[in-house]
Amino acid sequence: MTQNAPDFLTQAAQEFQQSMTENWSKAVQSLQSMDLGALGSALPVSGTKKPEIHFAPEKLQELQQQYLQDAMGMFSHGLSAPTGDKRFSGEAWGTNPVAAYSAAMYMLNARTMMGLADAVETDAKTRTRIRFAVEQWMAAAAPSNFMAFNADAQKKAIETKGESIAKGIQNLVHDMRQGHVSMTDESLFEVGKNVATTEGAVVFENAFFQLIEYKPLTAKVYEKPFLMVPPCINKFYILDLQPENSLVRYAVAQGHRTFVVSWRNPDASMATATWDDYIEQAVIKAIAVTQEISGSPTINALGFCVGGTMLGTALAVLAARGEKPVASATFLTSLLDFTDTGILDVFIDDAFVEYREKEMGKGGMMKGQDLASTFSFLRPNDLVWNYVVGNYLKGETPPPFDLLYWNSDSTNLPGPYYAWYLRNTYLENNLVKPGKATVCGEKVDLNTVDMPVYIYGSREDHIVPIGGAYASTQVLPGKKRFVMGASGHIAGVINPPEKKKRSHWIRTDGKLPKSQAAWLEGATEYPGSWWTDWATWLKSHAGKQIAAPKTYGKGKYKTTMPAPGSYVLAKA
């Protein structure tokens, strides 16, 4: 006999519920068998211990009931592509039943897996690691990442008669050859041609860095020169992308005689270079050369990201020697106190640091591409899978974007430098413990770094959390000004006033309570860039104005080549 419709629907619902129950069991089992050391080669967590994962029975039962309830609700009311997620926002997802089903079920499973991760009974750090691992798995498992389920990619393949698939294969082969996923059309950029174009010259060079002096744009300059120390894990030209968004050019236009450290991209000859080497032979040396060229007994300095950590360390070393050559310091999205390191903390424990020390603590190289991949996977949907889908499934060429070109231009790190940094900052937080860390033969004490400082943090920064950036206000003893900008680690910093984008927060009463949250309660939001506030502050510490120099360098420090120099051109 033919089964009637009500009986058929009842049986279908029962089979669907049984299937969802089996899915639930598999989800719980997959979490309980999790190995945090197997997140993938792009995420350097080798050496971490496998956690024991347990759930409170009542919480597990609550999550199971919610899962089955949501699943049966989807079955009863029909499946449609989820809204509010740009991965499934294309029209094709809503008109393709198979795609809509896969997207809806994926979102349900993703919510449930994240709920399970939050329900694990363990310490906070292990729970954060589990959550991070689940986020990576769910990002990778999205149906939008697979041609068999991506309705938009299938539609485009049909409309282009397969041309998009052919182009996607070409893009895949190209990216395999270059060793990383293309985030922008890199063929449209060239360092020194349309990025890093501010006019200047190399006036000093050693095995660690080239010092670039920039041509004045004003008839007079401030007597105290200005030195920028960018992060050595990236190329310096994040500070000099295009003329309209160059912090270097902006500083020069404000009347500052500006110098920038351009780091050498380490090769095998630098495999034994240490943190001490970088502080003594690079940061401290750059300060001394800037003094000698300008003839000024003191200078103003800026450190960005790891460059700020290195600048703070160098200033403490100099203070221990009885030297105070820096009149004021600016710290942009920098960590001195590593109590709050955000999501990066998931990688750091004794086992991981010991693994890295054994691997490269005496010599070796941390590859730039490994570092770049790690940072990209902190935001996997935006910085990894978005480009996988666009480049390979849809055969698209990503649009030109100077910031993403810079982001792909990675740099290596010497193993001993990297190993010291991991242990003494992220693991043990030694820089804020007076006398605990010894650098260049001196005991580091940040309480001696007592010049005026300007501290900037980005509200949505996933690399240097806003709380971590703010923590420097509680460490440094001098007169301090803290400003918070909107957006993230890079976009928040590279925000020229002319763009009239975003906003920033300042406390007019100058108070710096213990926590950033307390500081924010008394802060006022202002539209636009924080650059203008910083420029006003820096001018107050720059001294009188004098005639701008007509030549680069001075005495033994002569021009060797035009900016941006040669070190920045070396590829990892």
Protein backbone atom coordinates (compact mmCIF):
# COMPACT_ATOMS: atom_id res chain seq x y z
CA MET A 1 0.00 0.00 0.00
CA THR A 2 1.05 3.58 -0.58
CA GLN A 3 2.01 5.36 2.62
CA ASN A 4 -0.30 8.36 3.32
CA ALA A 5 1.15 11.86 3.73
CA PRO A 6 0.77 12.22 7.54
CA ASP A 7 2.46 8.85 8.14
CA PHE A 8 5.25 9.75 5.73
CA LEU A 9 5.89 13.09 7.46
CA THR A 10 5.85 11.45 10.88
CA GLN A 11 8.38 8.85 9.76
CA ALA A 12 10.55 11.53 8.12
CA ALA A 13 10.50 13.60 11.30
CA GLN A 14 11.46 10.56 13.39
CA GLU A 15 14.36 9.74 11.05
CA PHE A 16 15.47 13.37 11.07
CA GLN A 17 15.41 13.47 14.88
CA GLN A 18 17.38 10.22 15.06
CA SER A 19 19.92 11.68 12.66
CA MET A 20 20.24 14.82 14.80
CA THR A 21 20.68 12.69 17.93
CA GLU A 22 23.53 10.84 16.23
CA ASN A 23 25.07 14.16 15.20
CA TRP A 24 24.90 15.32 18.80
CA SER A 25 26.72 12.24 20.03
CA LYS A 26 29.43 12.70 17.39
CA ALA A 27 29.88 16.35 18.37
CA VAL A 28 30.40 15.47 22.04
CA GLN A 29 32.80 12.65 21.15
CA SER A 30 34.83 14.88 18.82
CA LEU A 31 35.36 17.44 21.58
CA GLN A 32 36.27 14.81 24.15
CA SER A 33 38.92 13.38 21.81
CA MET A 34 40.35 16.79 20.91
CA ASP A 35 44.11 17.21 20.57
CA LEU A 36 45.13 20.86 20.75
CA GLY A 37 48.47 19.98 19.22
CA ALA A 38 46.76 19.02 15.98
CA LEU A 39 45.23 22.31 14.93
CA GLY A 40 47.34 22.38 11.78
CA SER A 41 50.81 23.41 10.72
CA ALA A 42 49.69 27.02 10.27
CA LEU A 43 49.04 27.25 14.00
CA PRO A 44 52.28 26.64 15.93
CA VAL A 45 50.94 24.94 19.04
CA SER A 46 53.20 21.88 18.96
CA GLY A 47 54.13 20.84 22.46
CA THR A 48 50.84 21.73 24.11
CA LYS A 49 49.28 19.05 26.27
CA LYS A 50 46.07 17.25 25.38
CA PRO A 51 43.35 18.41 27.79
CA GLU A 52 40.93 16.16 29.61
CA ILE A 53 37.46 17.31 28.61
CA HIS A 54 34.42 16.86 30.86
CA PHE A 55 30.96 18.41 30.90
CA ALA A 56 28.49 19.01 33.71
CA PRO A 57 25.63 16.51 33.02
CA GLU A 58 22.90 19.14 33.49
CA LYS A 59 24.61 21.57 31.08
CA LEU A 60 25.09 18.83 28.52
CA GLN A 61 21.43 17.86 28.76
CA GLU A 62 20.35 21.49 28.36
CA LEU A 63 22.49 21.92 25.24
CA GLN A 64 21.21 18.65 23.77
CA GLN A 65 17.58 19.64 24.27
CA GLN A 66 18.20 23.03 22.66
CA TYR A 67 19.97 21.41 19.73
CA LEU A 68 17.16 18.95 19.04
CA GLN A 69 14.54 21.65 19.53
CA ASP A 70 16.23 23.98 17.02
CA ALA A 71 16.74 21.12 14.57
CA MET A 72 13.09 20.06 14.68
CA GLY A 73 12.05 23.70 14.35
CA MET A 74 14.04 23.90 11.13
CA PHE A 75 12.42 20.69 9.92
CA SER A 76 8.90 21.88 10.74
CA HIS A 77 9.13 25.38 9.28
CA GLY A 78 11.29 24.66 6.28
CA LEU A 79 14.97 25.27 5.67
CA SER A 80 16.34 28.55 4.36
CA ALA A 81 19.80 30.01 4.12
CA PRO A 82 20.74 31.81 7.36
CA THR A 83 20.65 35.58 7.30
CA GLY A 84 23.22 37.86 8.87
CA ASP A 85 26.23 35.84 7.73
CA LYS A 86 27.94 37.26 4.64
CA ARG A 87 29.19 33.80 3.66
CA PHE A 88 25.61 32.83 2.81
CA SER A 89 24.19 36.22 1.83
CA GLY A 90 24.22 35.69 -1.95
CA GLU A 91 20.91 35.25 -3.74
CA ALA A 92 21.88 31.76 -4.93
CA TRP A 93 21.96 30.42 -1.37
CA GLY A 94 18.27 31.21 -0.94
CA THR A 95 17.15 29.67 -4.22
CA ASN A 96 19.13 26.43 -4.00
CA PRO A 97 17.45 24.02 -1.52
CA VAL A 98 20.54 21.84 -1.08
CA ALA A 99 22.74 24.86 -0.40
CA ALA A 100 20.17 26.37 1.96
CA TYR A 101 19.97 23.09 3.90
CA SER A 102 23.75 22.78 4.18
CA ALA A 103 24.10 26.39 5.36
CA ALA A 104 21.28 26.14 7.90
CA MET A 105 22.58 22.88 9.34
CA TYR A 106 26.11 24.22 9.44
CA MET A 107 25.04 27.27 11.45
CA LEU A 108 23.09 25.08 13.87
CA ASN A 109 26.06 22.76 14.33
CA ALA A 110 28.43 25.70 14.72
CA ARG A 111 26.31 27.26 17.47
CA THR A 112 26.07 23.93 19.23
CA MET A 113 29.81 23.22 19.03
CA MET A 114 30.60 26.65 20.44
CA GLY A 115 28.09 26.04 23.22
CA LEU A 116 29.81 22.74 24.01
CA ALA A 117 33.20 24.45 24.04
CA ASP A 118 31.93 27.01 26.55
CA ALA A 119 30.44 24.23 28.69
CA VAL A 120 33.69 22.32 29.20
CA GLU A 121 34.59 22.06 32.88
CA THR A 122 38.22 23.12 33.00
CA ASP A 123 40.43 26.12 33.71
CA ALA A 124 39.88 29.35 31.78
CA LYS A 125 42.96 29.02 29.58
CA THR A 126 42.15 25.49 28.46
CA ARG A 127 38.57 26.52 27.74
CA THR A 128 39.85 29.42 25.61
CA ARG A 129 42.09 27.00 23.72
CA ILE A 130 39.20 24.61 23.13
CA ARG A 131 37.01 27.45 21.93
CA PHE A 132 39.76 28.64 19.59
CA ALA A 133 40.19 25.13 18.19
CA VAL A 134 36.45 24.76 17.61
CA GLU A 135 36.35 28.16 15.90
CA GLN A 136 39.12 27.00 13.54
CA TRP A 137 37.31 23.75 12.77
CA MET A 138 33.98 25.42 12.17
CA ALA A 139 35.52 28.12 9.97
CA ALA A 140 37.22 25.45 7.85
CA ALA A 141 34.09 23.25 7.65
CA ALA A 142 31.73 25.96 6.34
CA PRO A 143 29.86 24.73 3.23
CA SER A 144 30.82 27.99 1.53
CA ASN A 145 34.41 26.66 1.36
CA PHE A 146 33.46 23.77 -0.94
CA MET A 147 32.38 23.92 -4.56
CA ALA A 148 29.90 21.08 -4.00
CA PHE A 149 27.90 23.28 -1.59
CA ASN A 150 28.73 26.90 -2.50
CA ALA A 151 25.69 28.06 -4.44
CA ASP A 152 27.30 31.38 -5.42
CA ALA A 153 30.36 29.67 -6.88
CA GLN A 154 28.20 27.14 -8.74
CA LYS A 155 26.07 29.92 -10.20
CA LYS A 156 29.13 31.82 -11.36
CA ALA A 157 30.59 28.68 -12.96
CA ILE A 158 27.40 28.23 -14.97
CA GLU A 159 27.19 31.91 -15.96
CA THR A 160 30.85 31.98 -17.11
CA LYS A 161 30.60 28.57 -18.78
CA GLY A 162 33.34 27.18 -16.55
CA GLU A 163 35.72 30.10 -16.98
CA SER A 164 35.59 30.93 -13.26
CA ILE A 165 36.69 27.36 -12.42
CA ALA A 166 39.60 27.57 -14.86
CA LYS A 167 40.65 30.92 -13.41
CA GLY A 168 40.33 29.53 -9.89
CA ILE A 169 42.72 26.71 -10.74
CA GLN A 170 45.18 29.24 -12.17
CA ASN A 171 44.92 31.29 -8.97
CA LEU A 172 45.50 28.17 -6.86
CA VAL A 173 48.62 27.20 -8.82
CA HIS A 174 49.91 30.78 -8.58
CA ASP A 175 49.41 30.92 -4.81
CA MET A 176 51.03 27.50 -4.31
CA ARG A 177 54.10 28.76 -6.14
CA GLN A 178 54.33 31.98 -4.12
CA GLY A 179 53.68 30.14 -0.85
CA HIS A 180 50.67 32.04 0.49
CA VAL A 181 47.05 32.88 -0.29
CA SER A 182 46.76 36.13 -2.25
CA MET A 183 44.84 38.78 -0.34
CA THR A 184 45.30 41.42 -3.01
CA ASP A 185 46.61 41.71 -6.55
CA GLU A 186 50.29 41.84 -5.59
CA SER A 187 51.37 42.45 -9.19
CA LEU A 188 50.06 46.02 -8.93
CA PHE A 189 52.44 47.05 -6.12
CA GLU A 190 56.17 47.63 -6.00
CA VAL A 191 58.09 48.88 -2.99
CA GLY A 192 59.63 52.24 -3.78
CA LYS A 193 57.35 52.78 -6.77
CA ASN A 194 53.81 53.02 -5.39
CA VAL A 195 54.32 52.04 -1.73
CA ALA A 196 57.09 53.38 0.54
CA THR A 197 57.49 56.44 -1.68
CA THR A 198 58.21 59.27 0.78
CA GLU A 199 61.45 60.92 -0.37
CA GLY A 200 64.51 60.20 1.74
CA ALA A 201 67.85 58.42 1.89
CA VAL A 202 69.66 55.69 3.80
CA VAL A 203 72.23 57.36 6.08
CA PHE A 204 73.41 54.36 8.14
CA GLU A 205 73.50 50.61 7.80
CA ASN A 206 74.66 47.62 9.81
CA ALA A 207 73.80 43.93 9.88
CA PHE A 208 70.44 44.60 11.57
CA PHE A 209 68.91 47.69 10.02
CA GLN A 210 69.17 50.60 7.66
CA LEU A 211 68.38 54.06 9.02
CA ILE A 212 66.36 56.21 6.64
CA GLU A 213 66.27 60.00 6.93
CA TYR A 214 63.40 61.76 5.14
CA LYS A 215 63.52 65.00 3.18
CA PRO A 216 61.91 67.91 5.05
CA LEU A 217 58.67 69.27 3.60
CA THR A 218 58.84 72.48 5.64
CA ALA A 219 61.32 75.37 5.67
CA LYS A 220 61.88 74.86 9.39
CA VAL A 221 62.01 71.71 11.49
CA TYR A 222 61.87 71.10 15.23
CA GLU A 223 65.28 70.87 16.86
CA LYS A 224 64.61 67.44 18.38
CA PRO A 225 64.52 64.83 15.61
CA PHE A 226 61.93 62.07 15.50
CA LEU A 227 62.82 58.36 15.26
CA MET A 228 60.30 55.64 14.39
CA VAL A 229 60.91 52.00 15.41
CA PRO A 230 58.47 49.73 13.54
CA PRO A 231 57.97 46.03 14.39
CA CYS A 232 60.75 43.79 13.12
CA ILE A 233 58.22 41.06 12.37
CA ASN A 234 57.00 43.21 9.46
CA LYS A 235 58.39 45.59 6.85
CA PHE A 236 58.68 49.22 7.97
CA TYR A 237 56.51 50.62 5.18
CA ILE A 238 53.29 50.01 7.06
CA LEU A 239 54.18 53.52 8.23
CA ASP A 240 54.62 54.72 4.63
CA LEU A 241 52.12 52.98 2.36
CA GLN A 242 50.76 55.72 0.10
CA PRO A 243 51.26 59.49 0.36
CA GLU A 244 47.68 59.93 1.57
CA ASN A 245 47.97 57.41 4.43
CA SER A 246 51.64 57.65 5.36
CA LEU A 247 52.37 58.35 9.03
CA VAL A 248 55.97 59.05 7.97
CA ARG A 249 54.93 61.74 5.51
CA TYR A 250 52.49 63.18 8.04
CA ALA A 251 55.25 63.54 10.64
CA VAL A 252 57.55 65.17 8.08
CA ALA A 253 54.78 67.56 7.03
CA GLN A 254 54.31 68.55 10.67
CA GLY A 255 57.90 69.82 10.71
CA HIS A 256 59.70 66.88 12.32
CA ARG A 257 63.10 65.77 11.06
CA THR A 258 62.10 62.15 10.69
CA PHE A 259 64.15 58.95 10.78
CA VAL A 260 62.88 55.38 10.43
CA VAL A 261 64.44 52.00 11.21
CA SER A 262 64.17 49.66 8.21
CA TRP A 263 64.82 46.15 9.50
CA ARG A 264 66.89 43.63 7.63
CA ASN A 265 64.92 40.55 6.60
CA PRO A 266 67.01 37.90 8.41
CA ASP A 267 68.69 35.09 6.49
CA ALA A 268 70.94 32.21 7.59
CA SER A 269 73.74 34.63 8.48
CA MET A 270 71.57 35.99 11.32
CA ALA A 271 70.41 32.61 12.65
CA THR A 272 72.06 33.19 16.04
CA ALA A 273 70.99 36.82 16.56
CA THR A 274 69.48 37.47 20.00
CA TRP A 275 67.07 39.91 21.61
CA ASP A 276 70.11 41.63 23.13
CA ASP A 277 71.62 42.06 19.66
CA TYR A 278 68.49 43.75 18.38
CA ILE A 279 68.31 46.10 21.36
CA GLU A 280 72.00 47.05 21.37
CA GLN A 281 72.88 46.95 17.68
CA ALA A 282 69.57 48.27 16.36
CA VAL A 283 67.34 50.30 18.68
CA ILE A 284 70.07 51.83 20.85
CA LYS A 285 72.31 52.31 17.82
CA ALA A 286 69.51 54.02 15.86
CA ILE A 287 68.94 56.42 18.76
CA ALA A 288 72.67 57.27 18.92
CA VAL A 289 73.01 57.79 15.15
CA THR A 290 69.92 60.01 15.08
CA GLN A 291 71.46 62.11 17.87
CA GLU A 292 74.78 62.40 16.06
CA ILE A 293 73.28 63.35 12.70
CA SER A 294 70.94 65.96 14.19
CA GLY A 295 73.37 67.28 16.75
CA SER A 296 70.56 67.24 19.30
CA PRO A 297 71.32 65.82 22.76
CA THR A 298 67.82 64.34 22.95
CA ILE A 299 65.34 62.98 20.42
CA ASN A 300 61.69 61.92 20.32
CA ALA A 301 60.96 58.28 19.53
CA LEU A 302 58.02 56.09 18.52
CA GLY A 303 57.61 52.32 18.77
CA PHE A 304 54.87 50.40 16.97
CA CYS A 305 53.74 46.94 18.14
CA VAL A 306 56.85 44.83 18.92
CA GLY A 307 58.85 47.95 18.05
CA GLY A 308 57.28 49.55 21.11
CA THR A 309 58.28 46.62 23.32
CA MET A 310 61.82 46.90 21.99
CA LEU A 311 61.89 50.68 22.42
CA GLY A 312 60.72 50.39 26.04
CA THR A 313 63.37 47.75 26.71
CA ALA A 314 66.10 49.88 25.10
CA LEU A 315 65.10 52.93 27.15
CA ALA A 316 65.32 50.86 30.35
CA VAL A 317 68.78 49.60 29.35
CA LEU A 318 69.94 53.16 28.63
CA ALA A 319 68.52 54.40 31.94
CA ALA A 320 70.43 51.66 33.76
CA ARG A 321 73.57 53.08 32.13
CA GLY A 322 72.70 56.57 33.33
CA GLU A 323 71.70 57.72 29.83
CA LYS A 324 68.43 59.42 28.88
CA PRO A 325 68.71 60.40 25.22
CA VAL A 326 64.96 60.25 24.51
CA ALA A 327 62.86 63.27 25.50
CA SER A 328 59.48 61.66 24.81
CA ALA A 329 58.21 58.30 23.60
CA THR A 330 55.13 57.20 21.69
CA PHE A 331 53.87 53.63 22.00
CA LEU A 332 51.41 52.49 19.33
CA THR A 333 49.50 49.23 20.00
CA SER A 334 52.44 47.98 22.06
CA LEU A 335 52.77 45.59 25.00
CA LEU A 336 55.10 46.21 27.92
CA ASP A 337 52.94 44.40 30.48
CA PHE A 338 52.00 41.03 28.97
CA THR A 339 49.25 40.16 31.45
CA ASP A 340 46.53 40.65 28.83
CA THR A 341 47.66 39.24 25.48
CA GLY A 342 44.26 38.25 24.13
CA ILE A 343 43.82 35.29 21.82
CA LEU A 344 47.58 34.86 21.31
CA ASP A 345 47.67 33.45 24.83
CA VAL A 346 46.20 30.19 23.48
CA PHE A 347 49.60 29.35 22.01
CA ILE A 348 51.74 30.03 25.05
CA ASP A 349 52.54 27.60 27.85
CA ASP A 350 55.68 26.00 29.28
CA ALA A 351 55.57 23.09 26.86
CA PHE A 352 55.24 25.31 23.79
CA VAL A 353 58.03 27.69 24.83
CA GLU A 354 60.35 24.79 25.73
CA TYR A 355 59.60 23.24 22.34
CA ARG A 356 60.56 26.45 20.54
CA GLU A 357 63.68 26.90 22.68
CA LYS A 358 64.86 23.37 21.84
CA GLU A 359 64.01 23.88 18.18
CA MET A 360 65.67 27.26 17.59
CA GLY A 361 66.83 28.80 20.87
CA LYS A 362 70.52 28.32 19.98
CA GLY A 363 70.13 29.08 16.30
CA GLY A 364 67.66 28.83 13.49
CA MET A 365 64.93 30.85 11.87
CA MET A 366 61.26 31.48 12.54
CA LYS A 367 59.88 31.71 9.02
CA GLY A 368 57.97 34.82 8.17
CA GLN A 369 55.21 32.90 6.42
CA ASP A 370 54.56 30.84 9.57
CA LEU A 371 54.16 34.04 11.57
CA ALA A 372 51.90 35.57 8.91
CA SER A 373 49.73 32.43 8.82
CA THR A 374 49.37 32.45 12.59
CA PHE A 375 48.13 36.04 12.61
CA SER A 376 45.77 35.35 9.69
CA PHE A 377 44.19 32.39 11.48
CA LEU A 378 43.33 34.63 14.41
CA ARG A 379 40.55 35.85 12.08
CA PRO A 380 40.10 32.81 9.81
CA ASN A 381 36.89 33.77 8.03
CA ASP A 382 38.10 37.26 7.09
CA LEU A 383 41.78 36.59 6.43
CA VAL A 384 41.85 33.00 5.14
CA TRP A 385 38.65 31.38 3.94
CA ASN A 386 37.26 34.55 2.41
CA TYR A 387 40.17 34.52 -0.03
CA VAL A 388 40.06 30.77 -0.58
CA VAL A 389 36.46 31.11 -1.73
CA GLY A 390 37.04 34.20 -3.85
CA ASN A 391 40.34 33.19 -5.42
CA TYR A 392 39.77 29.48 -6.04
CA LEU A 393 36.04 28.71 -6.07
CA LYS A 394 34.93 31.88 -7.84
CA GLY A 395 38.10 32.58 -9.82
CA GLU A 396 38.25 36.21 -8.71
CA THR A 397 41.31 38.43 -8.48
CA PRO A 398 41.25 40.26 -5.15
CA PRO A 399 41.17 44.06 -5.52
CA PRO A 400 44.34 46.13 -5.02
CA PHE A 401 44.85 47.09 -1.37
CA ASP A 402 48.18 48.48 -0.16
CA LEU A 403 47.72 47.34 3.44
CA LEU A 404 47.09 43.72 2.40
CA TYR A 405 50.07 43.83 0.04
CA TRP A 406 52.22 44.85 3.00
CA ASN A 407 50.62 42.12 5.11
CA SER A 408 51.74 39.50 2.57
CA ASP A 409 55.32 40.82 2.48
CA SER A 410 56.51 38.74 5.41
CA THR A 411 59.78 38.77 7.35
CA ASN A 412 61.75 36.09 9.19
CA LEU A 413 62.89 36.22 12.81
CA PRO A 414 66.12 34.78 14.23
CA GLY A 415 65.35 31.79 16.45
CA PRO A 416 67.20 32.96 19.59
CA TYR A 417 65.47 36.37 19.42
CA TYR A 418 62.08 34.67 19.05
CA ALA A 419 62.68 32.18 21.86
CA TRP A 420 63.82 34.90 24.32
CA TYR A 421 60.82 37.02 23.42
CA LEU A 422 58.36 34.16 24.00
CA ARG A 423 59.72 33.25 27.43
CA ASN A 424 60.38 36.71 28.83
CA THR A 425 57.23 38.42 27.62
CA TYR A 426 54.27 36.15 26.83
CA LEU A 427 55.17 33.33 29.23
CA GLU A 428 56.84 34.99 32.24
CA ASN A 429 56.03 38.70 31.74
CA ASN A 430 59.47 39.62 33.02
CA LEU A 431 59.73 43.15 31.63
CA VAL A 432 57.38 44.51 34.29
CA LYS A 433 59.24 42.77 37.12
CA PRO A 434 62.04 45.18 38.11
CA GLY A 435 65.43 43.50 37.75
CA LYS A 436 64.00 40.17 36.58
CA ALA A 437 65.11 40.42 32.93
CA THR A 438 68.72 41.15 32.01
CA VAL A 439 69.22 42.76 28.61
CA CYS A 440 72.57 43.90 27.21
CA GLY A 441 74.12 43.28 30.62
CA GLU A 442 71.64 45.56 32.44
CA LYS A 443 68.75 44.78 34.75
CA VAL A 444 65.54 45.99 33.12
CA ASP A 445 63.40 48.30 35.24
CA LEU A 446 60.64 50.14 33.37
CA ASN A 447 60.17 52.37 36.43
CA THR A 448 63.27 54.24 35.25
CA VAL A 449 61.71 55.11 31.87
CA ASP A 450 60.36 58.38 33.21
CA MET A 451 59.95 60.65 30.17
CA PRO A 452 56.55 61.87 28.88
CA VAL A 453 54.80 59.17 26.86
CA TYR A 454 51.87 58.98 24.46
CA ILE A 455 50.16 55.59 24.52
CA TYR A 456 47.71 54.53 21.82
CA GLY A 457 45.54 51.40 21.71
CA SER A 458 42.97 50.17 19.18
CA ARG A 459 39.55 49.15 20.51
CA GLU A 460 39.13 46.02 18.33
CA ASP A 461 42.79 44.97 18.26
CA HIS A 462 43.10 41.16 18.22
CA ILE A 463 46.92 41.19 18.48
CA VAL A 464 47.47 43.78 21.21
CA PRO A 465 44.17 43.91 23.16
CA ILE A 466 43.09 47.35 24.27
CA GLY A 467 43.54 46.31 27.90
CA GLY A 468 47.09 45.23 27.17
CA ALA A 469 47.94 48.51 25.46
CA TYR A 470 46.39 50.47 28.33
CA ALA A 471 48.41 48.50 30.89
CA SER A 472 51.51 50.51 29.95
CA THR A 473 49.93 53.50 31.72
CA GLN A 474 50.32 51.61 34.99
CA VAL A 475 53.95 50.65 34.32
CA LEU A 476 55.66 53.79 33.05
CA PRO A 477 56.21 56.50 35.69
CA GLY A 478 56.35 59.68 33.58
CA LYS A 479 53.58 61.99 32.47
CA LYS A 480 51.26 59.94 30.29
CA ARG A 481 48.53 60.51 27.70
CA PHE A 482 46.37 57.57 26.63
CA VAL A 483 44.17 57.57 23.53
CA MET A 484 41.95 54.79 22.22
CA GLY A 485 41.11 54.57 18.53
CA ALA A 486 38.40 52.64 16.75
CA SER A 487 39.08 49.54 14.59
CA GLY A 488 41.95 47.06 14.80
CA HIS A 489 45.70 46.63 15.08
CA ILE A 490 46.58 48.21 11.74
CA ALA A 491 43.48 50.01 10.47
CA GLY A 492 43.16 51.85 13.77
CA VAL A 493 46.73 53.13 13.57
CA ILE A 494 46.86 53.95 9.86
CA ASN A 495 43.97 56.40 9.94
CA PRO A 496 44.93 59.77 8.39
CA PRO A 497 42.80 62.82 9.29
CA GLU A 498 41.91 63.58 5.67
CA LYS A 499 39.94 60.35 5.41
CA LYS A 500 37.60 61.52 8.20
CA LYS A 501 37.07 57.92 9.26
CA ARG A 502 36.43 56.23 12.58
CA SER A 503 36.79 57.98 15.91
CA HIS A 504 38.94 58.12 19.00
CA TRP A 505 38.46 58.49 22.76
CA ILE A 506 40.28 60.83 25.19
CA ARG A 507 39.87 61.64 28.87
CA THR A 508 40.08 65.39 29.26
CA ASP A 509 40.71 65.08 33.00
CA GLY A 510 43.90 63.11 32.32
CA LYS A 511 43.07 60.45 34.91
CA LEU A 512 44.48 56.96 34.40
CA PRO A 513 42.65 54.49 36.66
CA LYS A 514 43.88 50.91 37.00
CA SER A 515 41.73 49.39 34.26
CA GLN A 516 40.93 50.44 30.71
CA ALA A 517 37.23 49.87 31.39
CA ALA A 518 37.34 52.40 34.23
CA TRP A 519 39.27 54.82 32.01
CA LEU A 520 36.64 54.51 29.28
CA GLU A 521 33.84 55.46 31.68
CA GLY A 522 35.27 58.97 31.86
CA ALA A 523 36.40 59.24 28.24
CA THR A 524 34.82 61.30 25.47
CA GLU A 525 34.48 60.10 21.88
CA TYR A 526 35.71 62.41 19.12
CA PRO A 527 35.11 61.87 15.39
CA GLY A 528 38.01 61.21 13.04
CA SER A 529 41.67 60.35 13.45
CA TRP A 530 43.76 60.44 16.60
CA TRP A 531 46.72 61.70 14.53
CA THR A 532 45.90 65.37 15.11
CA ASP A 533 45.84 64.93 18.90
CA TRP A 534 49.17 63.10 18.76
CA ALA A 535 50.69 65.79 16.49
CA THR A 536 49.78 68.50 19.00
CA TRP A 537 51.28 66.45 21.83
CA LEU A 538 54.50 65.68 19.93
CA LYS A 539 55.07 69.34 19.02
CA SER A 540 55.00 70.23 22.70
CA HIS A 541 58.04 67.99 23.22
CA ALA A 542 59.95 68.82 20.03
CA GLY A 543 61.70 72.04 21.09
CA LYS A 544 62.16 75.19 19.05
CA GLN A 545 62.14 75.36 15.27
CA ILE A 546 65.37 75.67 13.29
CA ALA A 547 66.23 75.83 9.59
CA ALA A 548 65.60 72.53 7.82
CA PRO A 549 68.77 70.71 6.75
CA LYS A 550 69.60 70.89 3.06
CA THR A 551 71.38 67.53 2.92
CA TYR A 552 70.92 64.07 4.41
CA GLY A 553 73.15 62.76 7.15
CA LYS A 554 76.17 64.48 8.66
CA GLY A 555 79.90 63.84 8.83
CA LYS A 556 80.58 60.11 8.57
CA TYR A 557 76.90 59.39 8.07
CA LYS A 558 76.52 59.92 4.35
CA THR A 559 73.83 58.97 1.88
CA THR A 560 74.37 55.47 0.49
CA MET A 561 71.13 55.03 -1.49
CA PRO A 562 67.70 56.61 -1.81
CA ALA A 563 64.77 55.54 0.35
CA PRO A 564 63.30 53.03 0.88
CA GLY A 565 66.75 51.37 0.80
CA SER A 566 67.65 47.77 0.01
CA TYR A 567 66.82 45.85 3.21
CA VAL A 568 63.08 46.33 2.69
CA LEU A 569 63.29 44.68 -0.73
CA ALA A 570 64.54 41.32 0.57
CA LYS A 571 61.88 38.61 0.57
CA ALA A 572 61.46 36.05 3.34
